[in-house]
Amino acid sequence: MKRAAIIVYGDNSGKIKFWLLGKPSEIGRINIEIGGEAYEIFIFEVPHTKEIKHKIKEKRIIHKFCGENNIQFVFPVDEMDEKLNSIWLSIKILCILREVGIIRGEDVFSQSFGIISGTLNPILMEAISEEASSIIVLKTGSNDASMKELHKKIMEEKGLSIAFVNDIEFLLNQSKIILWDGLIPAERYKNALMSACIDMGRVLILPKHSGPLQPDSVLIRFEDEITKAIIKFAPGTDIWKTVSYFPFVCFLDEQGNPVDKERIRRLLLRSNKALTIQKC
């Protein structure tokens, strides 16, 4: 079994234990499976510091502690960059779409997609372009710089032409799957949408794991951090392979409680569209 540590930052309640004894505070651990291999992931909390000299000492203490405890992988959350966030966002959306397809009993990846986002995510765009029947992107001004390059790349590699439009209602009417990042309030277009809205913030994507899944479990409390750490386990891996590491998708209600899949199915089947909001 391989061992990994995710380093999160808290208050100074454990500073004496950390700075003097060289021990971070363990706030949880979870056993998971990634690509058929077992991992034990620890969540350690260390005191928050901004001073460079303290950050250097902090890293030295963490790596010494992990080395002594046979922990092979270390992931401080403050070192998870924008590229990793982009990959994480793409994988989460692809997992949600896969689950929506299972619930609806259809291949959602072969449908028509509408993208409403201030910043285009090339990783996500390239992934959905593999099977999508069409992709329409709303021009926002902020995404103009990357449009031509992305269009050329997908046209050459996938043979799919992306349409960039100014008319949001045209996009909504022509697309069955809408990916929306909250750039424009969705309430304004309720009549055009007439579809279920999946709030990405209330969806968990989970690896194979052992033990009960409770609302206060480590896997739920640190889902984002654990997901990003798993992505780091296999850098350069094909995105669809990484998506397969998260076979479980859990929808939550406004109180953070799991929603029964039958309820989700009824919600999705009320319309011929499925709406995913990336950021709310």
Protein backbone atom coordinates (compact mmCIF):
# COMPACT_ATOMS: atom_id res chain seq x y z
CA MET A 1 0.00 0.00 0.00
CA LYS A 2 1.30 3.43 -0.96
CA ARG A 3 0.98 6.35 1.43
CA ALA A 4 0.34 10.02 0.65
CA ALA A 5 -0.13 13.18 2.70
CA ILE A 6 -2.19 16.26 1.95
CA ILE A 7 -1.04 19.33 3.86
CA VAL A 8 -3.71 21.88 4.81
CA TYR A 9 -3.24 25.07 6.78
CA GLY A 10 -5.05 26.02 9.97
CA ASP A 11 -4.71 28.32 12.95
CA ASN A 12 -1.81 28.27 15.43
CA SER A 13 -3.39 25.81 17.86
CA GLY A 14 -0.82 23.15 16.97
CA LYS A 15 2.19 25.38 16.48
CA ILE A 16 4.16 24.09 19.50
CA LYS A 17 3.70 20.47 18.41
CA PHE A 18 4.74 21.36 14.87
CA TRP A 19 7.62 23.80 15.34
CA LEU A 20 9.20 22.21 18.42
CA LEU A 21 8.36 18.51 18.05
CA GLY A 22 8.31 18.38 14.25
CA LYS A 23 4.88 16.75 14.08
CA PRO A 24 1.94 18.04 12.03
CA SER A 25 -1.56 17.45 13.44
CA GLU A 26 -3.36 14.52 11.80
CA ILE A 27 -6.99 15.43 11.22
CA GLY A 28 -7.97 12.35 9.26
CA ARG A 29 -6.99 9.51 6.94
CA ILE A 30 -8.74 7.47 4.27
CA ASN A 31 -8.01 4.26 2.36
CA ILE A 32 -8.77 4.47 -1.36
CA GLU A 33 -8.01 2.61 -4.58
CA ILE A 34 -6.55 4.27 -7.65
CA GLY A 35 -6.19 2.24 -10.83
CA GLY A 36 -6.25 -1.02 -8.87
CA GLU A 37 -3.59 0.14 -6.39
CA ALA A 38 -4.30 0.80 -2.71
CA TYR A 39 -3.41 4.14 -1.12
CA GLU A 40 -3.60 5.41 2.43
CA ILE A 41 -4.06 9.18 2.40
CA PHE A 42 -3.39 11.28 5.48
CA ILE A 43 -4.67 14.83 6.02
CA PHE A 44 -2.20 16.84 8.09
CA GLU A 45 -2.76 20.37 9.37
CA VAL A 46 0.12 22.77 9.97
CA PRO A 47 0.14 26.37 11.28
CA HIS A 48 -0.37 29.01 8.62
CA THR A 49 2.66 31.19 7.93
CA LYS A 50 3.59 33.69 5.22
CA GLU A 51 7.21 34.40 6.10
CA ILE A 52 9.65 32.83 3.64
CA LYS A 53 12.08 31.65 6.32
CA HIS A 54 9.22 29.89 8.14
CA LYS A 55 7.94 28.34 4.89
CA ILE A 56 11.38 26.86 4.23
CA LYS A 57 11.52 25.39 7.74
CA GLU A 58 7.94 24.17 7.38
CA LYS A 59 8.78 22.20 4.23
CA ARG A 60 11.85 20.72 5.87
CA ILE A 61 9.82 19.54 8.89
CA ILE A 62 7.04 18.08 6.71
CA HIS A 63 9.36 16.16 4.42
CA LYS A 64 11.42 14.84 7.34
CA PHE A 65 8.28 13.68 9.14
CA CYS A 66 6.82 12.05 6.02
CA GLY A 67 10.11 10.35 5.19
CA GLU A 68 10.31 8.87 8.69
CA ASN A 69 6.74 7.58 8.36
CA ASN A 70 7.13 6.00 4.91
CA ILE A 71 4.85 8.54 3.19
CA GLN A 72 5.92 8.69 -0.46
CA PHE A 73 3.77 11.55 -1.78
CA VAL A 74 3.31 14.99 -0.20
CA PHE A 75 0.83 17.58 -1.51
CA PRO A 76 0.66 21.01 0.17
CA VAL A 77 -2.61 22.64 -0.89
CA ASP A 78 -0.89 25.98 -1.48
CA GLU A 79 1.18 24.40 -4.27
CA MET A 80 -1.82 23.30 -6.32
CA ASP A 81 -1.66 25.69 -9.28
CA GLU A 82 -4.09 26.94 -11.91
CA LYS A 83 -3.25 24.16 -14.36
CA LEU A 84 -4.15 21.57 -11.74
CA ASN A 85 -7.38 23.46 -10.97
CA SER A 86 -8.23 23.41 -14.69
CA ILE A 87 -7.66 19.65 -14.89
CA TRP A 88 -9.67 19.12 -11.69
CA LEU A 89 -12.57 21.20 -13.04
CA SER A 90 -12.57 19.26 -16.31
CA ILE A 91 -12.52 15.87 -14.59
CA LYS A 92 -15.33 16.83 -12.24
CA ILE A 93 -17.54 17.98 -15.09
CA LEU A 94 -16.79 14.84 -17.13
CA CYS A 95 -17.65 12.65 -14.12
CA ILE A 96 -20.93 14.53 -13.64
CA LEU A 97 -21.80 14.15 -17.33
CA ARG A 98 -20.97 10.43 -17.22
CA GLU A 99 -23.31 10.01 -14.23
CA VAL A 100 -26.06 12.06 -15.90
CA GLY A 101 -25.80 9.74 -18.91
CA ILE A 102 -26.14 6.67 -16.69
CA ILE A 103 -29.17 8.13 -14.90
CA ARG A 104 -30.85 9.26 -18.13
CA GLY A 105 -29.92 6.03 -19.93
CA GLU A 106 -28.30 7.80 -22.88
CA ASP A 107 -24.92 8.82 -24.24
CA VAL A 108 -24.70 12.48 -23.24
CA PHE A 109 -21.19 12.91 -24.67
CA SER A 110 -22.52 12.58 -28.22
CA GLN A 111 -25.01 15.41 -27.72
CA SER A 112 -24.83 19.10 -28.71
CA PHE A 113 -22.93 21.24 -26.18
CA GLY A 114 -23.28 24.92 -25.32
CA ILE A 115 -20.42 26.61 -23.40
CA ILE A 116 -20.98 29.81 -21.42
CA SER A 117 -17.71 30.78 -19.76
CA GLY A 118 -15.53 33.82 -19.37
CA THR A 119 -12.40 31.68 -19.77
CA LEU A 120 -12.28 28.72 -22.11
CA ASN A 121 -10.90 25.52 -20.63
CA PRO A 122 -8.99 23.78 -23.46
CA ILE A 123 -8.66 20.52 -21.50
CA LEU A 124 -12.43 20.24 -21.11
CA MET A 125 -13.14 21.46 -24.65
CA GLU A 126 -10.80 18.90 -26.20
CA ALA A 127 -12.30 16.09 -24.09
CA ILE A 128 -15.93 16.77 -25.02
CA SER A 129 -15.03 17.41 -28.68
CA GLU A 130 -14.08 13.73 -29.07
CA GLU A 131 -17.74 12.66 -29.31
CA ALA A 132 -19.90 15.81 -29.30
CA SER A 133 -22.17 16.33 -32.29
CA SER A 134 -21.62 20.09 -32.02
CA ILE A 135 -20.14 22.73 -29.71
CA ILE A 136 -21.37 26.32 -29.51
CA VAL A 137 -19.45 28.86 -27.41
CA LEU A 138 -20.79 32.22 -26.26
CA LYS A 139 -18.46 35.09 -27.09
CA THR A 140 -17.75 37.07 -23.93
CA GLY A 141 -14.82 39.26 -24.89
CA SER A 142 -12.59 37.76 -22.23
CA ASN A 143 -12.32 34.50 -24.15
CA ASP A 144 -11.57 36.04 -27.58
CA ALA A 145 -7.80 35.54 -27.37
CA SER A 146 -7.99 31.77 -27.06
CA MET A 147 -10.89 31.15 -29.47
CA LYS A 148 -9.04 30.99 -32.79
CA GLU A 149 -6.20 28.78 -31.53
CA LEU A 150 -8.59 26.38 -29.82
CA HIS A 151 -10.88 26.23 -32.87
CA LYS A 152 -7.95 25.42 -35.15
CA LYS A 153 -6.59 22.72 -32.83
CA ILE A 154 -9.92 20.93 -32.41
CA MET A 155 -10.75 21.25 -36.11
CA GLU A 156 -7.41 19.68 -37.09
CA GLU A 157 -7.36 16.93 -34.43
CA LYS A 158 -11.05 16.06 -34.03
CA GLY A 159 -12.61 17.27 -37.28
CA LEU A 160 -15.24 19.23 -35.32
CA SER A 161 -15.94 22.87 -36.05
CA ILE A 162 -16.79 25.05 -33.03
CA ALA A 163 -19.32 27.85 -33.49
CA PHE A 164 -18.73 31.09 -31.57
CA VAL A 165 -21.87 33.19 -31.18
CA ASN A 166 -23.09 36.40 -29.52
CA ASP A 167 -26.70 35.28 -29.13
CA ILE A 168 -27.11 33.38 -25.86
CA GLU A 169 -30.70 32.37 -26.63
CA PHE A 170 -29.57 30.79 -29.92
CA LEU A 171 -26.95 28.82 -27.97
CA LEU A 172 -29.52 27.66 -25.42
CA ASN A 173 -32.01 26.59 -28.07
CA GLN A 174 -29.45 24.68 -30.13
CA SER A 175 -27.66 22.88 -27.27
CA LYS A 176 -28.81 19.90 -25.25
CA ILE A 177 -26.00 20.03 -22.67
CA ILE A 178 -25.19 23.45 -21.24
CA LEU A 179 -21.96 24.08 -19.32
CA TRP A 180 -22.34 27.40 -17.49
CA ASP A 181 -19.86 29.05 -15.14
CA GLY A 182 -22.17 31.68 -13.61
CA LEU A 183 -20.83 34.46 -15.84
CA ILE A 184 -24.41 35.48 -16.59
CA PRO A 185 -27.21 34.84 -14.04
CA ALA A 186 -29.15 31.75 -15.13
CA GLU A 187 -32.40 33.11 -13.67
CA ARG A 188 -32.59 35.58 -16.55
CA TYR A 189 -32.98 32.73 -19.04
CA LYS A 190 -35.27 30.34 -17.17
CA ASN A 191 -37.84 30.33 -19.97
CA ALA A 192 -35.24 29.43 -22.59
CA LEU A 193 -33.65 26.76 -20.42
CA MET A 194 -36.64 24.82 -19.10
CA SER A 195 -34.17 22.28 -17.77
CA ALA A 196 -32.64 20.79 -14.64
CA CYS A 197 -29.76 22.66 -13.09
CA ILE A 198 -26.89 20.70 -11.55
CA ASP A 199 -24.89 22.85 -9.15
CA MET A 200 -21.31 21.60 -9.40
CA GLY A 201 -20.67 22.81 -5.86
CA ARG A 202 -23.17 20.24 -4.57
CA VAL A 203 -21.68 17.23 -6.35
CA LEU A 204 -18.92 14.97 -5.02
CA ILE A 205 -16.76 12.76 -7.23
CA LEU A 206 -15.25 9.91 -5.22
CA PRO A 207 -12.64 7.18 -5.73
CA LYS A 208 -13.10 3.62 -4.57
CA HIS A 209 -12.89 3.79 -0.78
CA SER A 210 -13.32 1.71 2.33
CA GLY A 211 -15.40 2.54 5.39
CA PRO A 212 -18.76 4.35 5.76
CA LEU A 213 -19.36 7.65 4.01
CA GLN A 214 -20.71 10.08 6.61
CA PRO A 215 -21.34 13.83 6.13
CA ASP A 216 -18.37 14.64 8.38
CA SER A 217 -16.02 12.03 6.87
CA VAL A 218 -12.58 13.03 5.60
CA LEU A 219 -13.52 12.04 2.04
CA ILE A 220 -16.39 14.55 1.98
CA ARG A 221 -14.75 17.34 3.99
CA PHE A 222 -11.63 17.31 1.82
CA GLU A 223 -13.08 16.06 -1.46
CA ASP A 224 -11.49 18.82 -3.56
CA GLU A 225 -8.05 18.38 -2.00
CA ILE A 226 -8.15 14.57 -2.28
CA THR A 227 -9.30 14.74 -5.90
CA LYS A 228 -6.47 17.11 -6.81
CA ALA A 229 -3.95 14.93 -5.00
CA ILE A 230 -5.12 11.88 -6.97
CA ILE A 231 -4.67 13.84 -10.20
CA LYS A 232 -1.10 14.57 -9.10
CA PHE A 233 -0.47 10.84 -8.53
CA ALA A 234 -0.58 10.27 -12.27
CA PRO A 235 0.74 13.36 -14.08
CA GLY A 236 0.44 13.14 -17.86
CA THR A 237 -2.20 10.42 -17.65
CA ASP A 238 -4.95 10.51 -20.29
CA ILE A 239 -7.85 12.53 -18.88
CA TRP A 240 -10.37 9.73 -19.46
CA LYS A 241 -8.14 7.34 -17.54
CA THR A 242 -8.08 9.82 -14.65
CA VAL A 243 -11.87 10.16 -14.84
CA SER A 244 -12.10 6.38 -14.33
CA TYR A 245 -10.40 6.79 -10.94
CA PHE A 246 -13.63 8.42 -9.70
CA PRO A 247 -16.39 5.85 -10.28
CA PHE A 248 -18.74 7.29 -7.65
CA VAL A 249 -20.72 10.53 -8.00
CA CYS A 250 -22.81 11.81 -5.10
CA PHE A 251 -25.38 14.61 -5.47
CA LEU A 252 -26.08 16.71 -2.37
CA ASP A 253 -29.03 18.85 -1.34
CA GLU A 254 -28.73 22.40 0.02
CA GLN A 255 -28.04 21.02 3.52
CA GLY A 256 -25.20 18.83 2.23
CA ASN A 257 -27.09 15.55 2.52
CA PRO A 258 -26.90 12.90 -0.25
CA VAL A 259 -29.82 12.97 -2.71
CA ASP A 260 -31.42 9.72 -3.83
CA LYS A 261 -30.55 8.85 -7.46
CA GLU A 262 -34.22 8.30 -8.28
CA ARG A 263 -34.94 11.90 -7.33
CA ILE A 264 -32.11 13.06 -9.59
CA ARG A 265 -33.47 10.88 -12.40
CA ARG A 266 -36.94 12.45 -12.14
CA LEU A 267 -35.37 15.93 -12.12
CA LEU A 268 -33.31 15.23 -15.24
CA LEU A 269 -36.15 13.58 -17.16
CA ARG A 270 -38.42 16.62 -16.72
CA SER A 271 -36.66 18.16 -19.70
CA ASN A 272 -34.69 17.13 -22.76
CA LYS A 273 -31.75 19.19 -21.51
CA ALA A 274 -29.22 18.78 -18.69
CA LEU A 275 -27.65 21.95 -17.33
CA THR A 276 -24.31 21.87 -15.54
CA ILE A 277 -23.10 25.04 -13.85
CA GLN A 278 -19.37 25.03 -13.31
CA LYS A 279 -19.24 27.86 -10.81
CA CYS A 280 -22.11 29.44 -8.92
